[in-house]
Amino acid sequence: MKENSNFEFFIKWLAKYDESLSEHLSTATTNARYLSPQIQNEMINCLGESIRNALVTDIRKSKFISVMADESSDVSMTELAVCIRYLNASSDDEVSVNEVFLGFVELPTTDASTITDSLLGNLSKWGLDTERLRGMGFDGASNMSGTQ
């Protein structure tokens, strides 16, 4: 049996262990299987949001945070990869430094003002208090350091 995508392979593999999924795949009509690329993207977005929410819940426990961001362009879009570094104190007084990727932010332009507005806007949208922001890291880009 040939699969056309990783997603299709994974769903068929999972159906071997999940009786209700197996029954759904074998009895549902083709247009009611909910496996289209659009549904796949919706599932990926939902899972990503759920993971980000769990990470943000942990990040909020930290008194201070720092942000690291780097923009990347291709022919279709420019986006900003956003990571957060924060301290996590355990119950036995051990402190660990954690670094997590929170997501990509699409950028209409790459000037400093747009990047700043997009970055701070998304941090707020994701539920992070920018008043706790104590550090920023960029790739040395002149548009973020104030030099040309």
Protein backbone atom coordinates (compact mmCIF):
# COMPACT_ATOMS: atom_id res chain seq x y z
CA MET A 1 0.00 0.00 0.00
CA LYS A 2 1.56 3.29 -1.14
CA GLU A 3 1.10 6.42 0.97
CA ASN A 4 1.18 9.87 -0.59
CA SER A 5 2.37 11.76 2.50
CA ASN A 6 3.85 11.42 5.95
CA PHE A 7 0.50 12.41 7.40
CA GLU A 8 -1.32 9.65 5.54
CA PHE A 9 1.32 7.13 6.62
CA PHE A 10 1.00 8.22 10.25
CA ILE A 11 -2.82 8.06 10.21
CA LYS A 12 -2.77 4.55 8.73
CA TRP A 13 -0.16 3.47 11.26
CA LEU A 14 -2.21 4.94 14.12
CA ALA A 15 -5.34 3.18 12.84
CA LYS A 16 -3.62 -0.15 13.52
CA TYR A 17 -3.78 0.68 17.24
CA ASP A 18 -6.98 2.74 17.39
CA GLU A 19 -10.14 0.78 16.61
CA SER A 20 -12.41 3.79 16.18
CA LEU A 21 -9.96 5.47 13.77
CA SER A 22 -9.61 2.23 11.83
CA GLU A 23 -13.39 1.91 11.57
CA HIS A 24 -13.74 5.54 10.50
CA LEU A 25 -11.13 5.14 7.74
CA SER A 26 -12.70 1.95 6.44
CA THR A 27 -16.35 3.10 6.49
CA ALA A 28 -16.31 6.86 5.83
CA THR A 29 -16.87 8.12 2.33
CA THR A 30 -13.86 9.75 0.71
CA ASN A 31 -15.24 13.26 1.21
CA ALA A 32 -15.95 12.65 4.92
CA ARG A 33 -12.63 11.21 6.08
CA TYR A 34 -11.30 14.62 7.18
CA LEU A 35 -7.81 14.01 5.85
CA SER A 36 -7.54 16.76 3.22
CA PRO A 37 -4.53 19.10 3.15
CA GLN A 38 -6.73 21.86 4.61
CA ILE A 39 -7.73 19.64 7.55
CA GLN A 40 -4.10 18.59 8.00
CA ASN A 41 -3.07 22.25 8.24
CA GLU A 42 -5.88 22.98 10.70
CA MET A 43 -4.73 20.06 12.85
CA ILE A 44 -1.10 21.24 12.72
CA ASN A 45 -2.17 24.77 13.71
CA CYS A 46 -4.32 23.47 16.59
CA LEU A 47 -1.54 21.24 17.88
CA GLY A 48 1.00 24.05 17.56
CA GLU A 49 -1.24 26.43 19.47
CA SER A 50 -1.78 23.84 22.21
CA ILE A 51 1.96 23.26 22.54
CA ARG A 52 2.66 27.02 22.57
CA ASN A 53 0.02 27.54 25.29
CA ALA A 54 1.68 24.87 27.45
CA LEU A 55 5.09 26.50 26.94
CA VAL A 56 3.71 29.97 27.74
CA THR A 57 2.18 28.62 30.97
CA ASP A 58 5.67 27.49 32.02
CA ILE A 59 7.34 30.72 30.84
CA ARG A 60 4.91 32.83 32.90
CA LYS A 61 6.34 31.29 36.08
CA SER A 62 9.65 33.01 35.37
CA LYS A 63 10.25 36.49 36.76
CA PHE A 64 12.20 37.62 33.69
CA ILE A 65 12.40 36.53 30.05
CA SER A 66 14.52 37.29 27.03
CA VAL A 67 13.58 36.98 23.39
CA MET A 68 15.66 35.79 20.48
CA ALA A 69 14.46 36.39 16.94
CA ASP A 70 15.77 35.91 13.45
CA GLU A 71 14.10 36.72 10.17
CA SER A 72 14.20 34.54 7.12
CA SER A 73 13.00 35.23 3.60
CA ASP A 74 12.14 33.16 0.58
CA VAL A 75 10.33 33.98 -2.65
CA SER A 76 6.88 33.76 -1.04
CA MET A 77 7.27 35.44 2.36
CA THR A 78 9.43 36.83 5.12
CA GLU A 79 8.98 35.48 8.62
CA LEU A 80 10.48 35.87 12.05
CA ALA A 81 11.41 32.85 14.16
CA VAL A 82 10.74 33.67 17.82
CA CYS A 83 12.37 31.91 20.78
CA ILE A 84 12.16 32.68 24.48
CA ARG A 85 14.82 32.06 27.11
CA TYR A 86 13.71 31.92 30.72
CA LEU A 87 14.63 30.52 34.12
CA ASN A 88 12.75 27.63 35.61
CA ALA A 89 13.10 27.10 39.37
CA SER A 90 12.25 23.63 40.64
CA SER A 91 10.87 22.80 44.07
CA ASP A 92 14.33 21.76 45.30
CA ASP A 93 15.83 25.22 44.58
CA GLU A 94 17.55 24.15 41.37
CA VAL A 95 17.36 26.65 38.55
CA SER A 96 17.57 25.71 34.91
CA VAL A 97 17.80 27.88 31.83
CA ASN A 98 15.21 26.95 29.24
CA GLU A 99 15.05 28.00 25.63
CA VAL A 100 11.91 27.32 23.60
CA PHE A 101 10.70 28.05 20.10
CA LEU A 102 7.27 29.73 20.16
CA GLY A 103 6.54 30.16 16.50
CA PHE A 104 6.96 32.00 13.26
CA VAL A 105 5.61 35.50 12.72
CA GLU A 106 4.92 36.62 9.17
CA LEU A 107 6.45 40.02 8.35
CA PRO A 108 5.07 42.37 5.68
CA THR A 109 8.41 44.28 5.62
CA THR A 110 11.75 43.91 7.38
CA ASP A 111 12.31 47.39 8.76
CA ALA A 112 13.02 47.71 12.50
CA SER A 113 9.65 49.27 13.30
CA THR A 114 7.64 46.49 11.64
CA ILE A 115 9.77 43.76 13.22
CA THR A 116 9.45 45.37 16.67
CA ASP A 117 5.69 45.86 16.37
CA SER A 118 5.17 42.32 15.09
CA LEU A 119 7.39 40.77 17.74
CA LEU A 120 5.89 42.66 20.70
CA GLY A 121 2.36 42.25 19.34
CA ASN A 122 2.75 38.48 19.07
CA LEU A 123 4.35 38.16 22.50
CA SER A 124 1.31 39.93 23.93
CA LYS A 125 -1.10 37.89 21.80
CA TRP A 126 0.54 34.70 23.06
CA GLY A 127 0.01 35.88 26.66
CA LEU A 128 3.51 36.96 27.61
CA ASP A 129 4.03 40.09 29.70
CA THR A 130 6.53 42.28 27.86
CA GLU A 131 7.20 44.16 31.13
CA ARG A 132 9.27 41.10 32.16
CA LEU A 133 11.39 41.29 29.01
CA ARG A 134 15.01 41.84 30.04
CA GLY A 135 17.02 40.74 27.04
CA MET A 136 16.83 40.59 23.27
CA GLY A 137 18.99 38.67 20.85
CA PHE A 138 19.13 39.14 17.12
CA ASP A 139 21.56 37.98 14.47
CA GLY A 140 23.46 41.27 14.35
CA ALA A 141 21.12 42.69 11.73
CA SER A 142 21.79 46.37 11.21
CA ASN A 143 18.08 47.18 11.03
CA MET A 144 17.61 45.92 14.62
CA SER A 145 20.78 47.40 16.13
CA GLY A 146 20.09 50.94 14.93
CA THR A 147 23.01 51.08 12.50
CA GLN A 148 22.95 50.90 8.73
